[in-house]
Structures are given as C-alpha cells and as structure tokens.
Amino acid sequence: MADRENGKKQLVLRLSPALWRELAAWARDDFRSINGQIEYLLTDCVRQRRRKLDREREEGRRSPASGEAGAAAGRTGGETEGMGR
C-alpha cells in the first residue's frame, strides 16, 4: 500500500534464472534488495540517456549543420517528456 501512496508503479517482470542470479548477486554486493537494484539500474540508465540527449542537443545548437541531421534521424526533442525532470 505504501508504494501506491508515494506514486510508484507496479509491474510484472519476467527474467531468466541466469539473469535473476546475476541481479541477486549484484544486489547483495551493493546491499540492496533485488527490486531496489533493478530500480537503481533503470534510474541510472535513464539519467545517462538524458545526459546523452542533452549533449546532442547542445552540440546541435553549436553547429547549424547538425540540426538537419537530427531532424533527418527523427529527433524531435520530446524523447524525455514526462520523465520527471
């Protein structure tokens, strides 16, 4: 019930036994629950993606030609909308 009160979402995640063992060992090494480890890893991946996108946008502002390449690749700048920045 506490998870629902603080806004966390629940999901079912199916993992291979091998991946589960690896995550469990990693979680033990970091003194986390498996759920906490998965949340930590996902949060870190999202943070890295945001930084990469921010760098790409900054580089695009510095170089007028790169703006055309970004548009051709389908980048609209809305990839991180709703990510709680």
N, C-alpha and C. Protein backbone atom coordinates (compact mmCIF):
# COMPACT_ATOMS: atom_id res chain seq x y z
N MET A 1 0.81 -1.19 0.00
CA MET A 1 0.00 0.00 0.00
C MET A 1 0.86 1.26 0.00
N ALA A 2 2.00 1.22 0.68
CA ALA A 2 2.87 2.38 0.75
C ALA A 2 3.36 2.77 -0.65
N ASP A 3 3.62 1.79 -1.51
CA ASP A 3 4.08 2.10 -2.86
C ASP A 3 3.04 2.91 -3.63
N ARG A 4 1.80 2.59 -3.46
CA ARG A 4 0.75 3.33 -4.17
C ARG A 4 0.63 4.74 -3.64
N GLU A 5 0.86 4.92 -2.35
CA GLU A 5 0.75 6.24 -1.75
C GLU A 5 1.86 7.16 -2.20
N ASN A 6 3.05 6.64 -2.46
CA ASN A 6 4.14 7.52 -2.88
C ASN A 6 4.28 7.60 -4.39
N GLY A 7 3.34 7.06 -5.13
CA GLY A 7 3.30 7.21 -6.58
C GLY A 7 4.09 6.19 -7.37
N LYS A 8 4.63 5.18 -6.75
CA LYS A 8 5.38 4.18 -7.51
C LYS A 8 4.41 3.25 -8.23
N LYS A 9 4.82 2.83 -9.41
CA LYS A 9 4.02 1.93 -10.23
C LYS A 9 4.52 0.51 -10.06
N GLN A 10 3.61 -0.43 -10.17
CA GLN A 10 3.96 -1.84 -10.07
C GLN A 10 3.93 -2.45 -11.47
N LEU A 11 4.82 -3.42 -11.69
CA LEU A 11 4.79 -4.14 -12.96
C LEU A 11 5.29 -5.55 -12.74
N VAL A 12 4.89 -6.41 -13.64
CA VAL A 12 5.35 -7.80 -13.62
C VAL A 12 6.54 -7.86 -14.57
N LEU A 13 7.62 -8.44 -14.10
CA LEU A 13 8.84 -8.54 -14.90
C LEU A 13 9.30 -9.99 -14.89
N ARG A 14 9.41 -10.56 -16.06
CA ARG A 14 9.87 -11.94 -16.17
C ARG A 14 11.34 -11.94 -16.57
N LEU A 15 12.15 -12.64 -15.78
CA LEU A 15 13.58 -12.70 -16.03
C LEU A 15 14.02 -14.15 -16.13
N SER A 16 15.06 -14.37 -16.90
CA SER A 16 15.62 -15.72 -16.96
C SER A 16 16.26 -16.03 -15.60
N PRO A 17 16.35 -17.30 -15.25
CA PRO A 17 17.00 -17.66 -13.99
C PRO A 17 18.44 -17.16 -13.90
N ALA A 18 19.15 -17.19 -15.00
CA ALA A 18 20.54 -16.73 -15.01
C ALA A 18 20.62 -15.23 -14.71
N LEU A 19 19.76 -14.45 -15.35
CA LEU A 19 19.76 -13.01 -15.10
C LEU A 19 19.35 -12.73 -13.66
N TRP A 20 18.36 -13.46 -13.16
CA TRP A 20 17.93 -13.29 -11.77
C TRP A 20 19.10 -13.54 -10.81
N ARG A 21 19.87 -14.60 -11.05
CA ARG A 21 21.01 -14.90 -10.18
C ARG A 21 22.05 -13.79 -10.22
N GLU A 22 22.31 -13.29 -11.42
CA GLU A 22 23.28 -12.18 -11.56
C GLU A 22 22.81 -10.93 -10.83
N LEU A 23 21.54 -10.59 -10.99
CA LEU A 23 20.99 -9.42 -10.31
C LEU A 23 20.99 -9.61 -8.79
N ALA A 24 20.67 -10.82 -8.34
CA ALA A 24 20.64 -11.10 -6.91
C ALA A 24 22.04 -10.96 -6.31
N ALA A 25 23.05 -11.45 -7.00
CA ALA A 25 24.42 -11.34 -6.51
C ALA A 25 24.86 -9.87 -6.49
N TRP A 26 24.54 -9.14 -7.53
CA TRP A 26 24.90 -7.73 -7.62
C TRP A 26 24.20 -6.94 -6.51
N ALA A 27 22.93 -7.24 -6.29
CA ALA A 27 22.16 -6.57 -5.24
C ALA A 27 22.79 -6.84 -3.86
N ARG A 28 23.18 -8.07 -3.61
CA ARG A 28 23.85 -8.41 -2.34
C ARG A 28 25.14 -7.62 -2.18
N ASP A 29 25.92 -7.53 -3.25
CA ASP A 29 27.18 -6.78 -3.22
C ASP A 29 26.95 -5.31 -2.89
N ASP A 30 25.84 -4.76 -3.37
CA ASP A 30 25.52 -3.34 -3.15
C ASP A 30 24.60 -3.11 -1.95
N PHE A 31 24.33 -4.18 -1.18
CA PHE A 31 23.45 -4.11 0.00
C PHE A 31 22.06 -3.56 -0.34
N ARG A 32 21.49 -4.08 -1.44
CA ARG A 32 20.15 -3.69 -1.88
C ARG A 32 19.30 -4.93 -2.04
N SER A 33 17.98 -4.71 -2.04
CA SER A 33 17.07 -5.78 -2.45
C SER A 33 17.18 -5.92 -3.97
N ILE A 34 16.68 -7.00 -4.50
CA ILE A 34 16.70 -7.17 -5.96
C ILE A 34 15.84 -6.09 -6.60
N ASN A 35 14.68 -5.81 -6.02
CA ASN A 35 13.83 -4.76 -6.55
C ASN A 35 14.56 -3.41 -6.51
N GLY A 36 15.23 -3.12 -5.41
CA GLY A 36 15.98 -1.88 -5.30
C GLY A 36 17.10 -1.80 -6.32
N GLN A 37 17.75 -2.93 -6.58
CA GLN A 37 18.83 -2.95 -7.56
C GLN A 37 18.30 -2.68 -8.97
N ILE A 38 17.19 -3.30 -9.31
CA ILE A 38 16.59 -3.08 -10.64
C ILE A 38 16.18 -1.61 -10.78
N GLU A 39 15.56 -1.06 -9.75
CA GLU A 39 15.16 0.36 -9.79
C GLU A 39 16.39 1.27 -9.92
N TYR A 40 17.44 0.96 -9.18
CA TYR A 40 18.68 1.74 -9.27
C TYR A 40 19.25 1.70 -10.69
N LEU A 41 19.33 0.50 -11.26
CA LEU A 41 19.89 0.35 -12.60
C LEU A 41 19.06 1.08 -13.66
N LEU A 42 17.74 0.96 -13.56
CA LEU A 42 16.89 1.66 -14.52
C LEU A 42 17.01 3.17 -14.38
N THR A 43 17.05 3.66 -13.14
CA THR A 43 17.21 5.09 -12.91
C THR A 43 18.53 5.59 -13.48
N ASP A 44 19.59 4.83 -13.27
CA ASP A 44 20.90 5.21 -13.79
C ASP A 44 20.91 5.24 -15.32
N CYS A 45 20.26 4.26 -15.94
CA CYS A 45 20.19 4.23 -17.41
C CYS A 45 19.42 5.42 -17.96
N VAL A 46 18.32 5.78 -17.32
CA VAL A 46 17.54 6.93 -17.75
C VAL A 46 18.36 8.21 -17.59
N ARG A 47 19.08 8.34 -16.49
CA ARG A 47 19.92 9.51 -16.24
C ARG A 47 21.00 9.63 -17.32
N GLN A 48 21.64 8.51 -17.67
CA GLN A 48 22.67 8.53 -18.72
C GLN A 48 22.08 8.91 -20.06
N ARG A 49 20.89 8.41 -20.37
CA ARG A 49 20.24 8.74 -21.64
C ARG A 49 19.93 10.22 -21.71
N ARG A 50 19.42 10.77 -20.62
CA ARG A 50 19.12 12.21 -20.59
C ARG A 50 20.37 13.03 -20.85
N ARG A 51 21.47 12.67 -20.19
CA ARG A 51 22.72 13.39 -20.39
C ARG A 51 23.17 13.32 -21.84
N LYS A 52 23.06 12.14 -22.43
CA LYS A 52 23.46 11.98 -23.83
C LYS A 52 22.60 12.84 -24.74
N LEU A 53 21.30 12.81 -24.52
CA LEU A 53 20.40 13.63 -25.34
C LEU A 53 20.67 15.11 -25.15
N ASP A 54 20.93 15.51 -23.91
CA ASP A 54 21.25 16.92 -23.65
C ASP A 54 22.53 17.34 -24.36
N ARG A 55 23.56 16.47 -24.33
CA ARG A 55 24.81 16.77 -25.03
C ARG A 55 24.57 16.88 -26.53
N GLU A 56 23.77 15.96 -27.09
CA GLU A 56 23.48 16.00 -28.52
C GLU A 56 22.75 17.28 -28.89
N ARG A 57 21.83 17.70 -28.06
CA ARG A 57 21.10 18.95 -28.33
C ARG A 57 22.02 20.15 -28.25
N GLU A 58 22.91 20.16 -27.26
CA GLU A 58 23.88 21.25 -27.13
C GLU A 58 24.79 21.30 -28.35
N GLU A 59 25.27 20.16 -28.80
CA GLU A 59 26.12 20.12 -29.98
C GLU A 59 25.36 20.59 -31.21
N GLY A 60 24.09 20.27 -31.28
CA GLY A 60 23.26 20.71 -32.40
C GLY A 60 23.06 22.21 -32.42
N ARG A 61 23.03 22.84 -31.25
CA ARG A 61 22.89 24.30 -31.17
C ARG A 61 24.16 25.00 -31.60
N ARG A 62 25.30 24.36 -31.36
CA ARG A 62 26.58 24.96 -31.72
C ARG A 62 26.87 24.84 -33.21
N SER A 63 26.36 23.79 -33.83
CA SER A 63 26.66 23.52 -35.24
C SER A 63 25.36 23.53 -36.04
N PRO A 64 25.15 24.52 -36.90
CA PRO A 64 23.89 24.59 -37.67
C PRO A 64 23.66 23.38 -38.56
N ALA A 65 24.70 22.78 -39.08
CA ALA A 65 24.53 21.63 -39.98
C ALA A 65 24.01 20.41 -39.23
N SER A 66 24.33 20.28 -37.96
CA SER A 66 23.91 19.09 -37.23
C SER A 66 22.42 19.11 -36.95
N GLY A 67 21.79 20.26 -36.97
CA GLY A 67 20.35 20.33 -36.76
C GLY A 67 19.60 19.60 -37.86
N GLU A 68 20.12 19.67 -39.08
CA GLU A 68 19.50 18.97 -40.19
C GLU A 68 19.63 17.46 -40.01
N ALA A 69 20.78 17.00 -39.53
CA ALA A 69 20.99 15.57 -39.32
C ALA A 69 20.06 15.06 -38.24
N GLY A 70 19.86 15.85 -37.18
CA GLY A 70 18.97 15.44 -36.11
C GLY A 70 17.54 15.32 -36.59
N ALA A 71 17.11 16.25 -37.43
CA ALA A 71 15.75 16.19 -37.96
C ALA A 71 15.59 14.99 -38.89
N ALA A 72 16.63 14.70 -39.68
CA ALA A 72 16.56 13.57 -40.59
C ALA A 72 16.49 12.26 -39.84
N ALA A 73 17.09 12.23 -38.66
CA ALA A 73 17.08 11.00 -37.86
C ALA A 73 15.79 10.85 -37.07
N GLY A 74 14.92 11.85 -37.16
CA GLY A 74 13.63 11.75 -36.48
C GLY A 74 13.66 12.24 -35.05
N ARG A 75 14.65 12.98 -34.66
CA ARG A 75 14.73 13.52 -33.29
C ARG A 75 13.92 14.80 -33.22
N THR A 76 12.96 14.79 -32.32
CA THR A 76 12.10 15.96 -32.18
C THR A 76 12.34 16.70 -30.88
N GLY A 77 13.14 16.12 -29.98
CA GLY A 77 13.39 16.76 -28.71
C GLY A 77 12.41 16.35 -27.64
N GLY A 78 11.41 15.54 -27.95
CA GLY A 78 10.42 15.14 -26.98
C GLY A 78 10.68 13.79 -26.35
N GLU A 79 11.89 13.27 -26.52
CA GLU A 79 12.17 11.91 -26.02
C GLU A 79 12.08 11.80 -24.51
N THR A 80 12.34 12.90 -23.79
CA THR A 80 12.38 12.81 -22.34
C THR A 80 11.14 13.40 -21.69
N GLU A 81 10.14 13.75 -22.48
CA GLU A 81 8.91 14.30 -21.89
C GLU A 81 8.32 13.31 -20.91
N GLY A 82 7.87 13.84 -19.79
CA GLY A 82 7.22 13.00 -18.80
C GLY A 82 8.19 12.18 -17.96
N MET A 83 9.47 12.50 -18.00
CA MET A 83 10.45 11.73 -17.25
C MET A 83 10.71 12.35 -15.88
N GLY A 84 9.97 13.38 -15.50
CA GLY A 84 10.08 13.93 -14.17
C GLY A 84 11.30 14.79 -13.94
N ARG A 85 11.71 15.51 -14.95
CA ARG A 85 12.87 16.40 -14.81
C ARG A 85 12.61 17.50 -13.87
